[in-house]
Amino acid sequence: MSNVKQFPTEQLEIAKVDSMMADMEQMYTALDEAHKMINELELQCAEIEATYDAKIAEIIGKYGSKVLRVEHLRYCGFGEDIIYETTKE
């Protein structure tokens, strides 16, 4: 028995392209959804960070920076400045 090979035809080529197009459509839809979720998380983080920075500034204003642990400054927008100032003293 011999192996019969299917030669590419116009229909087969178009079917392959259609299949690839459908796969890409699914992937790009998933990417769009992921981007939307990431953007939403970034906005939520920005809001929380602003509140966090204000709270850190309030604590420093009341008690000084020495009451804060280094971990408290991890997400603080001006944390490096505080660490630098504290180590200078």
N, C-alpha and C. Protein backbone atom coordinates (compact mmCIF):
# COMPACT_ATOMS: atom_id res chain seq x y z
N MET A 1 0.82 -1.17 0.00
CA MET A 1 0.00 0.00 0.00
C MET A 1 0.87 1.24 0.00
N SER A 2 0.41 2.22 -0.66
CA SER A 2 1.19 3.46 -0.72
C SER A 2 0.51 4.55 0.09
N ASN A 3 1.32 5.47 0.53
CA ASN A 3 0.79 6.62 1.26
C ASN A 3 0.32 7.67 0.28
N VAL A 4 -0.91 8.09 0.43
CA VAL A 4 -1.44 9.14 -0.42
C VAL A 4 -1.31 10.45 0.34
N LYS A 5 -0.60 11.38 -0.24
CA LYS A 5 -0.42 12.67 0.39
C LYS A 5 -1.42 13.65 -0.18
N GLN A 6 -1.94 14.48 0.70
CA GLN A 6 -2.88 15.52 0.29
C GLN A 6 -2.07 16.75 -0.11
N PHE A 7 -2.23 17.14 -1.33
CA PHE A 7 -1.56 18.34 -1.79
C PHE A 7 -2.38 19.55 -1.35
N PRO A 8 -1.69 20.61 -0.99
CA PRO A 8 -2.42 21.81 -0.58
C PRO A 8 -3.34 22.30 -1.69
N THR A 9 -4.54 22.56 -1.28
CA THR A 9 -5.49 23.14 -2.22
C THR A 9 -5.91 24.49 -1.66
N GLU A 10 -6.56 25.23 -2.47
CA GLU A 10 -7.03 26.55 -2.04
C GLU A 10 -7.93 26.42 -0.82
N GLN A 11 -8.82 25.45 -0.82
CA GLN A 11 -9.74 25.26 0.31
C GLN A 11 -9.01 24.91 1.59
N LEU A 12 -8.03 24.02 1.49
CA LEU A 12 -7.25 23.64 2.67
C LEU A 12 -6.46 24.84 3.22
N GLU A 13 -5.87 25.59 2.33
CA GLU A 13 -5.09 26.76 2.74
C GLU A 13 -5.99 27.79 3.44
N ILE A 14 -7.14 28.04 2.88
CA ILE A 14 -8.09 29.00 3.47
C ILE A 14 -8.60 28.48 4.81
N ALA A 15 -8.88 27.18 4.90
CA ALA A 15 -9.35 26.59 6.15
C ALA A 15 -8.29 26.74 7.25
N LYS A 16 -7.03 26.56 6.89
CA LYS A 16 -5.94 26.72 7.85
C LYS A 16 -5.86 28.16 8.33
N VAL A 17 -5.96 29.10 7.41
CA VAL A 17 -5.93 30.52 7.77
C VAL A 17 -7.12 30.88 8.65
N ASP A 18 -8.29 30.35 8.33
CA ASP A 18 -9.48 30.60 9.15
C ASP A 18 -9.29 30.07 10.58
N SER A 19 -8.71 28.89 10.68
CA SER A 19 -8.46 28.30 11.99
C SER A 19 -7.47 29.15 12.79
N MET A 20 -6.41 29.58 12.14
CA MET A 20 -5.41 30.43 12.81
C MET A 20 -6.03 31.75 13.24
N MET A 21 -6.88 32.30 12.40
CA MET A 21 -7.54 33.57 12.69
C MET A 21 -8.45 33.42 13.92
N ALA A 22 -9.17 32.32 14.02
CA ALA A 22 -10.04 32.07 15.16
C ALA A 22 -9.22 31.92 16.44
N ASP A 23 -8.09 31.24 16.36
CA ASP A 23 -7.21 31.10 17.52
C ASP A 23 -6.70 32.46 17.99
N MET A 24 -6.27 33.28 17.04
CA MET A 24 -5.76 34.61 17.39
C MET A 24 -6.85 35.48 17.99
N GLU A 25 -8.05 35.36 17.46
CA GLU A 25 -9.18 36.14 17.99
C GLU A 25 -9.41 35.80 19.47
N GLN A 26 -9.36 34.52 19.80
CA GLN A 26 -9.52 34.10 21.20
C GLN A 26 -8.39 34.65 22.07
N MET A 27 -7.18 34.57 21.58
CA MET A 27 -6.03 35.05 22.35
C MET A 27 -6.09 36.55 22.56
N TYR A 28 -6.41 37.31 21.52
CA TYR A 28 -6.47 38.76 21.65
C TYR A 28 -7.64 39.20 22.54
N THR A 29 -8.73 38.46 22.51
CA THR A 29 -9.84 38.75 23.42
C THR A 29 -9.40 38.54 24.86
N ALA A 30 -8.70 37.44 25.12
CA ALA A 30 -8.19 37.17 26.47
C ALA A 30 -7.19 38.23 26.89
N LEU A 31 -6.32 38.66 26.00
CA LEU A 31 -5.36 39.72 26.32
C LEU A 31 -6.07 41.04 26.65
N ASP A 32 -7.09 41.37 25.87
CA ASP A 32 -7.86 42.60 26.15
C ASP A 32 -8.49 42.55 27.53
N GLU A 33 -9.05 41.41 27.90
CA GLU A 33 -9.66 41.27 29.22
C GLU A 33 -8.61 41.38 30.31
N ALA A 34 -7.45 40.77 30.10
CA ALA A 34 -6.36 40.84 31.08
C ALA A 34 -5.87 42.28 31.25
N HIS A 35 -5.73 43.01 30.14
CA HIS A 35 -5.30 44.41 30.21
C HIS A 35 -6.31 45.25 30.99
N LYS A 36 -7.58 45.02 30.75
CA LYS A 36 -8.61 45.77 31.48
C LYS A 36 -8.50 45.50 32.98
N MET A 37 -8.30 44.23 33.35
CA MET A 37 -8.18 43.88 34.76
C MET A 37 -6.94 44.52 35.38
N ILE A 38 -5.83 44.50 34.66
CA ILE A 38 -4.60 45.10 35.16
C ILE A 38 -4.78 46.60 35.33
N ASN A 39 -5.39 47.26 34.36
CA ASN A 39 -5.62 48.70 34.47
C ASN A 39 -6.50 49.03 35.66
N GLU A 40 -7.52 48.23 35.89
CA GLU A 40 -8.41 48.44 37.03
C GLU A 40 -7.66 48.28 38.34
N LEU A 41 -6.82 47.25 38.43
CA LEU A 41 -6.01 47.04 39.63
C LEU A 41 -5.04 48.20 39.87
N GLU A 42 -4.44 48.70 38.79
CA GLU A 42 -3.52 49.83 38.92
C GLU A 42 -4.23 51.06 39.45
N LEU A 43 -5.44 51.31 38.98
CA LEU A 43 -6.21 52.45 39.48
C LEU A 43 -6.53 52.28 40.97
N GLN A 44 -6.93 51.08 41.35
CA GLN A 44 -7.23 50.81 42.76
C GLN A 44 -5.98 50.99 43.62
N CYS A 45 -4.85 50.49 43.13
CA CYS A 45 -3.59 50.64 43.87
C CYS A 45 -3.21 52.11 44.01
N ALA A 46 -3.39 52.89 42.96
CA ALA A 46 -3.05 54.31 43.01
C ALA A 46 -3.88 55.03 44.08
N GLU A 47 -5.15 54.69 44.18
CA GLU A 47 -6.00 55.29 45.20
C GLU A 47 -5.54 54.92 46.61
N ILE A 48 -5.25 53.64 46.81
CA ILE A 48 -4.81 53.18 48.11
C ILE A 48 -3.44 53.77 48.45
N GLU A 49 -2.53 53.84 47.47
CA GLU A 49 -1.21 54.41 47.70
C GLU A 49 -1.30 55.87 48.13
N ALA A 50 -2.19 56.63 47.52
CA ALA A 50 -2.35 58.03 47.90
C ALA A 50 -2.81 58.16 49.35
N THR A 51 -3.75 57.32 49.74
CA THR A 51 -4.23 57.32 51.13
C THR A 51 -3.12 56.86 52.07
N TYR A 52 -2.39 55.85 51.66
CA TYR A 52 -1.29 55.31 52.46
C TYR A 52 -0.21 56.37 52.67
N ASP A 53 0.18 57.06 51.59
CA ASP A 53 1.19 58.12 51.70
C ASP A 53 0.73 59.23 52.65
N ALA A 54 -0.54 59.59 52.55
CA ALA A 54 -1.08 60.63 53.43
C ALA A 54 -1.03 60.17 54.88
N LYS A 55 -1.34 58.91 55.15
CA LYS A 55 -1.31 58.37 56.51
C LYS A 55 0.12 58.33 57.03
N ILE A 56 1.06 57.90 56.21
CA ILE A 56 2.47 57.88 56.62
C ILE A 56 2.93 59.30 56.95
N ALA A 57 2.59 60.26 56.09
CA ALA A 57 2.97 61.65 56.34
C ALA A 57 2.35 62.16 57.64
N GLU A 58 1.12 61.78 57.90
CA GLU A 58 0.44 62.19 59.14
C GLU A 58 1.17 61.62 60.36
N ILE A 59 1.54 60.35 60.30
CA ILE A 59 2.25 59.71 61.41
C ILE A 59 3.60 60.39 61.63
N ILE A 60 4.31 60.68 60.56
CA ILE A 60 5.61 61.35 60.68
C ILE A 60 5.43 62.74 61.29
N GLY A 61 4.38 63.42 60.86
CA GLY A 61 4.11 64.74 61.40
C GLY A 61 3.82 64.71 62.90
N LYS A 62 3.13 63.69 63.35
CA LYS A 62 2.76 63.58 64.77
C LYS A 62 3.89 63.03 65.63
N TYR A 63 4.55 61.96 65.14
CA TYR A 63 5.47 61.20 65.99
C TYR A 63 6.91 61.15 65.49
N GLY A 64 7.15 61.61 64.28
CA GLY A 64 8.48 61.49 63.69
C GLY A 64 8.63 60.18 62.93
N SER A 65 9.65 60.11 62.12
CA SER A 65 9.82 58.93 61.25
C SER A 65 10.39 57.73 61.99
N LYS A 66 10.95 57.93 63.16
CA LYS A 66 11.58 56.81 63.88
C LYS A 66 10.57 55.78 64.39
N VAL A 67 9.29 56.14 64.46
CA VAL A 67 8.29 55.17 64.91
C VAL A 67 7.92 54.17 63.81
N LEU A 68 8.30 54.48 62.59
CA LEU A 68 7.98 53.61 61.46
C LEU A 68 9.07 52.57 61.26
N ARG A 69 8.67 51.38 60.87
CA ARG A 69 9.61 50.34 60.48
C ARG A 69 9.89 50.49 58.99
N VAL A 70 10.98 49.96 58.55
CA VAL A 70 11.35 50.02 57.13
C VAL A 70 10.24 49.42 56.27
N GLU A 71 9.61 48.35 56.76
CA GLU A 71 8.53 47.71 55.99
C GLU A 71 7.38 48.67 55.71
N HIS A 72 7.16 49.60 56.63
CA HIS A 72 6.09 50.57 56.44
C HIS A 72 6.35 51.47 55.22
N LEU A 73 7.60 51.59 54.87
CA LEU A 73 7.97 52.50 53.77
C LEU A 73 8.04 51.81 52.42
N ARG A 74 7.79 50.52 52.41
CA ARG A 74 7.90 49.74 51.17
C ARG A 74 7.02 50.29 50.05
N TYR A 75 5.81 50.66 50.38
CA TYR A 75 4.89 51.14 49.35
C TYR A 75 4.69 52.65 49.43
N CYS A 76 5.49 53.30 50.21
CA CYS A 76 5.37 54.74 50.38
C CYS A 76 6.11 55.45 49.25
N GLY A 77 5.47 56.43 48.64
CA GLY A 77 6.08 57.15 47.52
C GLY A 77 7.32 57.93 47.89
N PHE A 78 7.46 58.27 49.15
CA PHE A 78 8.63 59.03 49.58
C PHE A 78 9.44 58.26 50.63
N GLY A 79 9.30 56.95 50.64
CA GLY A 79 9.97 56.10 51.61
C GLY A 79 11.49 56.18 51.55
N GLU A 80 12.05 56.23 50.35
CA GLU A 80 13.51 56.30 50.23
C GLU A 80 14.05 57.59 50.83
N ASP A 81 13.31 58.68 50.68
CA ASP A 81 13.74 59.95 51.27
C ASP A 81 13.79 59.85 52.79
N ILE A 82 12.80 59.18 53.37
CA ILE A 82 12.74 59.03 54.82
C ILE A 82 13.90 58.16 55.31
N ILE A 83 14.15 57.08 54.60
CA ILE A 83 15.27 56.20 54.99
C ILE A 83 16.58 56.97 54.91
N TYR A 84 16.76 57.75 53.86
CA TYR A 84 17.99 58.53 53.70
C TYR A 84 18.14 59.54 54.84
N GLU A 85 17.07 60.25 55.14
CA GLU A 85 17.12 61.24 56.21
C GLU A 85 17.39 60.59 57.56
N THR A 86 16.82 59.44 57.80
CA THR A 86 16.99 58.73 59.07
C THR A 86 18.42 58.23 59.23
N THR A 87 19.02 57.77 58.15
CA THR A 87 20.39 57.25 58.24
C THR A 87 21.42 58.36 58.32
N LYS A 88 21.06 59.57 57.90
CA LYS A 88 21.97 60.73 57.99
C LYS A 88 22.15 61.17 59.43
N GLU A 89 21.12 60.99 60.23
CA GLU A 89 21.14 61.48 61.61
C GLU A 89 22.07 60.69 62.49
